Protein backbone atom coordinates (compact mmCIF):
# COMPACT_ATOMS: atom_id res chain seq x y z
CA MET A 1 75.96 -192.80 -147.67
CA THR A 2 76.21 -190.27 -145.28
CA ALA A 3 76.77 -191.46 -142.25
CA LEU A 4 73.95 -190.96 -139.38
CA PRO A 5 75.07 -190.11 -135.72
CA LEU A 6 72.20 -189.61 -134.53
CA LYS A 7 71.05 -192.99 -135.75
CA GLY A 8 69.40 -194.86 -132.61
CA LYS A 9 68.37 -191.85 -131.25
CA LYS A 10 64.35 -191.67 -129.56
CA ILE A 11 62.56 -188.24 -129.67
CA ALA A 12 58.57 -188.75 -127.83
CA VAL A 13 55.64 -186.45 -129.75
CA LEU A 14 53.50 -186.21 -126.61
CA MET A 15 49.76 -186.66 -129.00
CA GLU A 16 46.56 -185.63 -129.84
CA SER A 17 43.41 -184.16 -131.91
CA ASP A 18 43.68 -180.37 -132.77
CA TYR A 19 47.45 -180.80 -133.39
CA TYR A 20 48.89 -178.62 -135.94
CA GLU A 21 49.89 -180.69 -139.01
CA ASN A 22 52.23 -178.53 -139.81
CA GLU A 23 55.52 -178.99 -137.16
CA ILE A 24 53.88 -182.86 -136.75
CA HIS A 25 54.60 -182.54 -140.49
CA TYR A 26 57.52 -181.56 -140.40
CA TYR A 27 59.16 -183.59 -137.26
CA GLN A 28 57.52 -186.96 -139.36
CA HIS A 29 60.22 -185.84 -141.73
CA ARG A 30 63.33 -183.76 -140.21
CA PHE A 31 64.61 -186.72 -137.85
CA PRO A 32 64.03 -189.34 -139.75
CA GLU A 33 66.99 -187.70 -142.03
CA GLU A 34 68.99 -187.45 -138.60
CA GLY A 35 68.08 -191.97 -138.36
CA ILE A 36 65.70 -190.39 -134.60
CA GLU A 37 63.09 -192.49 -134.75
CA LEU A 38 60.06 -191.24 -133.84
CA VAL A 39 57.63 -191.73 -131.59
CA PHE A 40 53.94 -190.30 -130.86
CA LEU A 41 53.03 -190.69 -126.83
CA THR A 42 48.80 -190.47 -125.62
CA ARG A 43 47.01 -191.66 -123.32
CA LEU A 44 44.83 -194.47 -125.39
CA TRP A 45 42.65 -195.13 -122.65
CA GLY A 46 42.24 -199.13 -122.74
CA ASN A 47 42.06 -198.52 -126.47
CA PRO A 48 45.22 -200.21 -129.00
CA SER A 49 45.15 -196.77 -130.89
CA LEU A 50 43.13 -193.74 -130.81
CA THR A 51 42.88 -191.49 -134.32
CA PHE A 52 44.01 -188.39 -133.98
CA THR A 53 42.98 -185.33 -136.09
CA GLY A 54 44.88 -181.91 -137.06
CA HIS A 55 43.31 -178.82 -136.20
CA GLU A 56 43.67 -177.25 -140.10
CA TYR A 57 42.37 -179.77 -141.87
CA ARG A 58 41.24 -182.72 -140.22
CA ALA A 59 44.77 -184.51 -141.21
CA PRO A 60 44.41 -187.98 -138.96
CA LEU A 61 47.46 -189.66 -136.96
CA THR A 62 46.75 -193.29 -135.25
CA VAL A 63 48.66 -193.59 -132.16
CA SER A 64 49.39 -197.09 -130.94
CA GLU A 65 51.67 -196.12 -127.99
CA THR A 66 51.30 -194.77 -124.49
CA PHE A 67 52.69 -192.63 -121.33
CA GLU A 68 51.32 -194.49 -119.19
CA GLY A 69 52.97 -196.53 -117.21
CA MET A 70 56.48 -196.90 -118.56
CA SER A 71 59.46 -197.73 -117.04
CA ASP A 72 61.87 -195.28 -116.55
CA GLU A 73 64.26 -197.39 -118.53
CA THR A 74 61.82 -196.90 -120.88
CA LEU A 75 61.46 -193.34 -120.82
CA ARG A 76 65.30 -193.24 -120.34
CA ALA A 77 65.20 -194.93 -123.85
CA TYR A 78 64.81 -191.44 -125.43
CA ALA A 79 66.44 -188.98 -125.94
CA ALA A 80 64.23 -186.01 -126.09
CA VAL A 81 60.06 -185.51 -125.21
CA ILE A 82 58.14 -182.48 -126.95
CA VAL A 83 54.96 -181.34 -125.96
CA PRO A 84 53.48 -180.00 -129.62
CA SER A 85 51.83 -176.70 -130.14
CA GLY A 86 47.93 -176.78 -131.31
CA MET A 87 45.72 -177.94 -128.83
CA VAL A 88 46.63 -181.40 -128.09
CA ALA A 89 48.61 -180.28 -124.42
CA ASP A 90 45.26 -178.46 -123.26
CA ARG A 91 43.51 -182.29 -124.04
CA LEU A 92 45.78 -184.20 -122.65
CA ARG A 93 46.10 -181.37 -118.74
CA PHE A 94 42.59 -183.54 -118.60
CA THR A 95 42.33 -185.50 -115.30
CA ASP A 96 38.99 -187.82 -114.58
CA ASP A 97 40.62 -187.22 -111.13
CA VAL A 98 40.15 -183.79 -109.94
CA THR A 99 42.09 -184.45 -106.90
CA ARG A 100 45.46 -186.15 -109.09
CA ILE A 101 47.67 -184.18 -112.01
CA PRO A 102 46.57 -185.48 -114.97
CA PRO A 103 48.34 -188.52 -116.10
CA ALA A 104 50.28 -186.29 -118.62
CA THR A 105 51.59 -184.57 -117.03
CA GLU A 106 53.32 -186.40 -114.26
CA PHE A 107 54.50 -188.10 -116.96
CA LEU A 108 56.23 -184.87 -118.34
CA ALA A 109 57.36 -184.83 -114.95
CA ARG A 110 59.17 -187.63 -114.68
CA ALA A 111 60.88 -186.55 -118.19
CA PHE A 112 62.13 -183.19 -116.21
CA ALA A 113 63.30 -185.37 -113.90
CA GLU A 114 65.94 -186.48 -116.27
CA PRO A 115 68.25 -183.76 -117.02
CA SER A 116 70.10 -186.73 -120.11
CA ILE A 117 66.14 -186.26 -121.67
CA LEU A 118 65.62 -182.20 -123.67
CA LYS A 119 62.25 -181.26 -123.13
CA GLY A 120 60.79 -179.33 -126.05
CA ILE A 121 57.95 -177.08 -125.46
CA ILE A 122 56.06 -175.53 -128.37
CA CYS A 123 53.46 -172.55 -128.28
CA HIS A 124 50.18 -173.55 -126.69
CA GLY A 125 52.74 -176.70 -124.71
CA LEU A 126 53.70 -175.06 -121.75
CA TRP A 127 49.52 -175.48 -120.61
CA LEU A 128 50.78 -179.15 -120.19
CA THR A 129 52.92 -178.02 -117.48
CA ALA A 130 49.85 -176.02 -115.23
CA PRO A 131 49.76 -178.48 -112.90
CA ARG A 132 52.76 -178.46 -112.21
CA PRO A 133 53.89 -175.06 -112.68
CA ASP A 134 56.93 -176.15 -110.50
CA LEU A 135 58.41 -177.11 -114.02
CA VAL A 136 58.90 -174.42 -115.18
CA ARG A 137 59.55 -171.79 -112.19
CA GLY A 138 62.24 -169.81 -113.06
CA ARG A 139 63.28 -170.45 -115.78
CA PRO A 140 63.18 -168.51 -119.26
CA LEU A 141 61.18 -170.08 -121.65
CA THR A 142 59.52 -168.73 -124.70
CA CYS A 143 55.98 -169.31 -125.61
CA HIS A 144 52.62 -168.44 -127.75
CA ASN A 145 51.56 -164.20 -127.25
CA ASN A 146 48.63 -164.97 -125.58
CA LEU A 147 50.30 -167.37 -122.95
CA ILE A 148 52.86 -164.90 -121.63
CA GLY A 149 50.14 -164.29 -118.58
CA ASP A 150 50.35 -167.83 -117.84
CA ALA A 151 54.07 -168.29 -118.64
CA LYS A 152 54.51 -165.66 -116.40
CA ALA A 153 51.79 -166.81 -113.35
CA TYR A 154 53.81 -169.90 -113.67
CA GLY A 155 56.73 -168.22 -112.10
CA ALA A 156 58.40 -168.71 -115.46
CA ASP A 157 61.08 -165.91 -117.09
CA TYR A 158 59.14 -165.17 -120.03
CA ARG A 159 60.89 -163.72 -122.00
CA ASP A 160 60.30 -162.41 -125.84
CA ALA A 161 62.22 -164.75 -128.23
CA ASP A 162 60.86 -167.35 -130.84
CA LEU A 163 63.77 -170.00 -129.29
CA MET A 164 64.79 -169.75 -125.99
CA VAL A 165 67.33 -172.68 -124.83
CA ASP A 166 68.22 -173.43 -120.82
CA GLY A 167 69.73 -176.46 -121.51
CA ASP A 168 67.82 -178.94 -120.98
CA LEU A 169 64.32 -176.92 -122.23
CA ILE A 170 64.33 -175.88 -125.51
CA THR A 171 61.41 -173.43 -125.99
CA ALA A 172 59.63 -171.84 -129.33
CA ARG A 173 57.19 -169.53 -129.69
CA THR A 174 54.29 -170.74 -132.27
CA GLY A 175 54.51 -173.65 -134.69
CA ASN A 176 56.07 -172.07 -136.82
CA HIS A 177 58.76 -171.99 -135.49
CA CYS A 178 59.16 -176.22 -135.28
CA HIS A 179 62.18 -175.59 -137.10
CA LEU A 180 64.08 -173.62 -134.95
CA LEU A 181 63.22 -176.47 -131.85
CA ALA A 182 64.02 -179.17 -134.09
CA ARG A 183 67.16 -178.27 -134.72
CA THR A 184 68.19 -176.92 -131.42
CA ILE A 185 67.03 -180.75 -130.28
CA ILE A 186 69.16 -181.96 -133.45
CA ASP A 187 72.26 -179.74 -132.96
CA THR A 188 71.81 -179.86 -129.22
CA LEU A 189 72.13 -183.75 -129.32
CA LEU A 190 74.95 -184.16 -132.13
CA ALA A 191 77.27 -182.24 -129.34
CA GLY A 192 76.71 -185.42 -127.42
CA ALA A 193 76.83 -188.08 -129.68
């Protein structure tokens, strides 16, 4: 049996409806191949779990863990946090109190404050940084072609590339580049193992 040097590592993927099934299903298979525990986190709105549907095939995915109220110690147990493609980020950036930063963006900001946690943002996932553009201001990144204007408005250093690595921030252009994002996260974790 092959040793799994990343066994015991955990990766969080933020989740909501209208997710890109091919990307999420890839993560569900690829990360466990390395021994990595994959955890889906969302805003549960007081429910024990919520079932979300994918964008293309309406595939259901039930999530029972939340980022709300997560302690710093629990957050630091994650090796990476991924904001996936599709409309996930748009749904997660909803806030019922327009004077406050959305809880999902607050959580992402906490992850950005921890350099030991890799941040993976793919495609339209960049939208989750809109309420806190300082998270990506001045940083080289890539995103979906439809969001180039958004990236520039946030003050990010947009790069025309399928994948961009800037220290603890790893970005990919579209959901179809999820294999590049996953491979880079795995390689980065292996380099630090």
